[in-house]
Amino acid sequence: MNPSGAPSSNARWRAQARVDLDAISANVAALHMGRDYVRDHLSTIGLQVIRAEVPLSEMLSYDAELTSMTGARGSYHMEYSHYDEVPAHLQTKIISTAKAERAGVEVEEV
């Protein structure tokens, strides 16, 4: 939920990964970060830097994936960026689930 308490937003994070070019293709690292979210690639001496804006859910397993892909020769950091609108069909589901839980009705997740 966003700071107002409304379930209409989806937290987005700025992520930056640094990948040792000897360890892995930067394109592979970017793909695992979620290629639709990648904003740019920067090359420095021996490193490729990948910048992206990514939903938190996409980043939950990225640490383990990056470590595995690079043999522990890659790193990343994240910082909060902004909220995006949640799609209408998900808003409806979130709101109906919250109302049911407040009413004491057990909700089965699909």
C-alpha atoms as a PDB file:
ATOM      1  CA  MET A   1       0.000   0.000   0.000  1.00  0.00           C
ATOM      2  CA  ASN A   2       1.097   3.543  -0.593  1.00  0.00           C
ATOM      3  CA  PRO A   3       1.541   6.068   2.235  1.00  0.00           C
ATOM      4  CA  SER A   4      -2.116   7.130   1.980  1.00  0.00           C
ATOM      5  CA  GLY A   5      -3.186   3.567   2.779  1.00  0.00           C
ATOM      6  CA  ALA A   6      -4.946   3.090  -0.575  1.00  0.00           C
ATOM      7  CA  PRO A   7      -4.184  -0.115  -2.471  1.00  0.00           C
ATOM      8  CA  SER A   8      -3.993   1.717  -5.789  1.00  0.00           C
ATOM      9  CA  SER A   9      -0.223   1.871  -6.117  1.00  0.00           C
ATOM     10  CA  ASN A  10       2.727  -0.417  -6.705  1.00  0.00           C
ATOM     11  CA  ALA A  11       6.130   0.466  -5.236  1.00  0.00           C
ATOM     12  CA  ARG A  12       8.952   0.814  -7.774  1.00  0.00           C
ATOM     13  CA  TRP A  13      12.652   0.776  -6.942  1.00  0.00           C
ATOM     14  CA  ARG A  14      15.700   2.129  -8.740  1.00  0.00           C
ATOM     15  CA  ALA A  15      18.199  -0.699  -9.017  1.00  0.00           C
ATOM     16  CA  GLN A  16      21.773  -0.597 -10.214  1.00  0.00           C
ATOM     17  CA  ALA A  17      23.793  -3.748 -10.848  1.00  0.00           C
ATOM     18  CA  ARG A  18      27.557  -3.815 -11.403  1.00  0.00           C
ATOM     19  CA  VAL A  19      28.769  -6.830 -13.300  1.00  0.00           C
ATOM     20  CA  ASP A  20      32.355  -7.933 -13.884  1.00  0.00           C
ATOM     21  CA  LEU A  21      32.610  -8.275 -17.666  1.00  0.00           C
ATOM     22  CA  ASP A  22      34.887 -11.285 -17.276  1.00  0.00           C
ATOM     23  CA  ALA A  23      32.251 -13.059 -15.215  1.00  0.00           C
ATOM     24  CA  ILE A  24      29.109 -12.673 -17.303  1.00  0.00           C
ATOM     25  CA  SER A  25      27.460 -10.953 -20.204  1.00  0.00           C
ATOM     26  CA  ALA A  26      25.818  -7.756 -19.002  1.00  0.00           C
ATOM     27  CA  ASN A  27      22.862  -8.562 -21.221  1.00  0.00           C
ATOM     28  CA  VAL A  28      22.252 -11.735 -19.234  1.00  0.00           C
ATOM     29  CA  ALA A  29      22.371  -9.790 -15.963  1.00  0.00           C
ATOM     30  CA  ALA A  30      19.988  -7.190 -17.373  1.00  0.00           C
ATOM     31  CA  LEU A  31      17.610  -9.878 -18.562  1.00  0.00           C
ATOM     32  CA  HIS A  32      17.476 -11.340 -15.066  1.00  0.00           C
ATOM     33  CA  MET A  33      16.795  -7.869 -13.661  1.00  0.00           C
ATOM     34  CA  GLY A  34      13.730  -7.692 -15.894  1.00  0.00           C
ATOM     35  CA  ARG A  35      14.542  -6.415 -19.355  1.00  0.00           C
ATOM     36  CA  ASP A  36      11.376  -4.346 -19.595  1.00  0.00           C
ATOM     37  CA  TYR A  37      12.613  -2.232 -16.708  1.00  0.00           C
ATOM     38  CA  VAL A  38      16.208  -1.565 -17.789  1.00  0.00           C
ATOM     39  CA  ARG A  39      16.899   2.131 -18.379  1.00  0.00           C
ATOM     40  CA  ASP A  40      20.533   2.036 -19.532  1.00  0.00           C
ATOM     41  CA  HIS A  41      23.854   0.191 -19.612  1.00  0.00           C
ATOM     42  CA  LEU A  42      27.119   1.948 -18.842  1.00  0.00           C
ATOM     43  CA  SER A  43      30.531   0.454 -19.466  1.00  0.00           C
ATOM     44  CA  THR A  44      33.477   1.287 -17.267  1.00  0.00           C
ATOM     45  CA  ILE A  45      36.876  -0.349 -17.002  1.00  0.00           C
ATOM     46  CA  GLY A  46      36.117  -4.040 -16.539  1.00  0.00           C
ATOM     47  CA  LEU A  47      32.532  -3.417 -15.399  1.00  0.00           C
ATOM     48  CA  GLN A  48      29.118  -3.068 -16.932  1.00  0.00           C
ATOM     49  CA  VAL A  49      26.621  -1.002 -14.932  1.00  0.00           C
ATOM     50  CA  ILE A  50      22.941  -1.702 -15.528  1.00  0.00           C
ATOM     51  CA  ARG A  51      20.329   0.771 -14.266  1.00  0.00           C
ATOM     52  CA  ALA A  52      16.656  -0.110 -14.011  1.00  0.00           C
ATOM     53  CA  GLU A  53      13.376   0.790 -12.342  1.00  0.00           C
ATOM     54  CA  VAL A  54      11.887  -2.429 -11.041  1.00  0.00           C
ATOM     55  CA  PRO A  55       8.944  -3.573  -8.903  1.00  0.00           C
ATOM     56  CA  LEU A  56      10.187  -4.919  -5.569  1.00  0.00           C
ATOM     57  CA  SER A  57       8.655  -8.326  -6.326  1.00  0.00           C
ATOM     58  CA  GLU A  58      10.986  -8.634  -9.328  1.00  0.00           C
ATOM     59  CA  MET A  59      14.054  -8.014  -7.142  1.00  0.00           C
ATOM     60  CA  LEU A  60      13.343 -10.401  -4.262  1.00  0.00           C
ATOM     61  CA  SER A  61      15.432 -13.212  -5.732  1.00  0.00           C
ATOM     62  CA  TYR A  62      17.877 -11.059  -7.719  1.00  0.00           C
ATOM     63  CA  ASP A  63      20.666 -11.248  -5.113  1.00  0.00           C
ATOM     64  CA  ALA A  64      20.897 -15.030  -5.359  1.00  0.00           C
ATOM     65  CA  GLU A  65      20.555 -14.952  -9.163  1.00  0.00           C
ATOM     66  CA  LEU A  66      23.293 -12.331  -9.564  1.00  0.00           C
ATOM     67  CA  THR A  67      25.633 -14.193  -7.217  1.00  0.00           C
ATOM     68  CA  SER A  68      25.048 -17.409  -9.127  1.00  0.00           C
ATOM     69  CA  MET A  69      25.432 -15.787 -12.572  1.00  0.00           C
ATOM     70  CA  THR A  70      28.653 -13.962 -11.716  1.00  0.00           C
ATOM     71  CA  GLY A  71      30.351 -16.358  -9.330  1.00  0.00           C
ATOM     72  CA  ALA A  72      29.895 -13.655  -6.655  1.00  0.00           C
ATOM     73  CA  ARG A  73      31.624 -11.046  -8.858  1.00  0.00           C
ATOM     74  CA  GLY A  74      28.611  -8.782  -9.255  1.00  0.00           C
ATOM     75  CA  SER A  75      26.760  -6.473  -6.918  1.00  0.00           C
ATOM     76  CA  TYR A  76      23.651  -4.336  -6.876  1.00  0.00           C
ATOM     77  CA  HIS A  77      21.839  -1.817  -4.750  1.00  0.00           C
ATOM     78  CA  MET A  78      18.293  -0.508  -4.694  1.00  0.00           C
ATOM     79  CA  GLU A  79      16.545   2.630  -3.530  1.00  0.00           C
ATOM     80  CA  TYR A  80      12.894   3.623  -3.488  1.00  0.00           C
ATOM     81  CA  SER A  81      11.790   5.454  -6.643  1.00  0.00           C
ATOM     82  CA  HIS A  82       8.020   5.941  -6.820  1.00  0.00           C
ATOM     83  CA  TYR A  83       4.626   4.280  -6.901  1.00  0.00           C
ATOM     84  CA  ASP A  84       2.891   3.096 -10.080  1.00  0.00           C
ATOM     85  CA  GLU A  85      -0.819   2.502 -10.456  1.00  0.00           C
ATOM     86  CA  VAL A  86      -1.915  -1.060  -9.847  1.00  0.00           C
ATOM     87  CA  PRO A  87      -3.900  -2.407 -12.831  1.00  0.00           C
ATOM     88  CA  ALA A  88      -7.666  -2.064 -12.375  1.00  0.00           C
ATOM     89  CA  HIS A  89      -8.322  -5.822 -12.277  1.00  0.00           C
ATOM     90  CA  LEU A  90      -5.827  -6.187  -9.422  1.00  0.00           C
ATOM     91  CA  GLN A  91      -7.223  -3.155  -7.581  1.00  0.00           C
ATOM     92  CA  THR A  92     -10.631  -4.829  -7.557  1.00  0.00           C
ATOM     93  CA  LYS A  93      -9.162  -8.060  -6.204  1.00  0.00           C
ATOM     94  CA  ILE A  94      -7.115  -6.277  -3.508  1.00  0.00           C
ATOM     95  CA  ILE A  95     -10.086  -4.198  -2.360  1.00  0.00           C
ATOM     96  CA  SER A  96     -12.507  -7.138  -2.255  1.00  0.00           C
ATOM     97  CA  THR A  97      -9.980  -9.248  -0.336  1.00  0.00           C
ATOM     98  CA  ALA A  98      -9.404  -6.451   2.205  1.00  0.00           C
ATOM     99  CA  LYS A  99     -13.163  -5.960   2.681  1.00  0.00           C
ATOM    100  CA  ALA A 100     -13.693  -9.694   3.187  1.00  0.00           C
ATOM    101  CA  GLU A 101     -10.859  -9.866   5.738  1.00  0.00           C
ATOM    102  CA  ARG A 102     -12.293  -6.901   7.653  1.00  0.00           C
ATOM    103  CA  ALA A 103     -15.665  -8.640   7.720  1.00  0.00           C
ATOM    104  CA  GLY A 104     -14.008 -11.754   9.171  1.00  0.00           C
ATOM    105  CA  VAL A 105     -14.511 -13.861   6.065  1.00  0.00           C
ATOM    106  CA  GLU A 106     -11.687 -16.261   5.278  1.00  0.00           C
ATOM    107  CA  VAL A 107     -10.321 -15.574   1.813  1.00  0.00           C
ATOM    108  CA  GLU A 108      -8.839 -18.333  -0.330  1.00  0.00           C
ATOM    109  CA  GLU A 109      -5.888 -17.215  -2.457  1.00  0.00           C
ATOM    110  CA  VAL A 110      -5.852 -18.323  -6.074  1.00  0.00           C
END
